[in-house]
Structures are given as C-alpha cells and as structure tokens.
Amino acid sequence: MNLAEEAEEEGEEQAVVVTTVVAMVVAIAAMLLAVGVMLAALAVGVVVVVLAATAATHRTTAILAGFL
C-alpha cells in the first residue's frame, strides 16, 4: 500500500469511530431524557395519590363527624 491509501483508510476508520461515539452520546442523552420523563410522571402520580388520600381523609372525617 502506498501512503495515500493508508491515509484514506485511517481517515475512514476515524470517521467510523467519530460516528459511533456521536451515536452513543445521542443514545445516552435520549435515555437520560426518558428517565427524566419517567421521574416527572412518577412525581405527578405521587402528588395525585397524596391529593386523593387527603380528599378521602377529609371526606371520611366529615362523614364520621356527621354520625357523631
């Protein structure tokens, strides 16, 4: 092989490595975004459950107060 062919092959290998690294970084960013969305959904679910439990407690207290 002459030097031009070697340089061309090395450039192609570097391009593959750069493309692979970029793809991995994008995949990791997408996974982190998905985890953030899931955590936000979990937080919303917790708030809804707490509010529902609070409302149920107040309703139960009102019912018991009505009987007593």
Foldseek 3Di string as FASTA:
>chain_A
DDPVVVVVVVVVVVVVVVVVVVVVVVVVVVVVVVVVVVVVVVVVVVVVVVVVVVVVVVVVVVVVVVVD
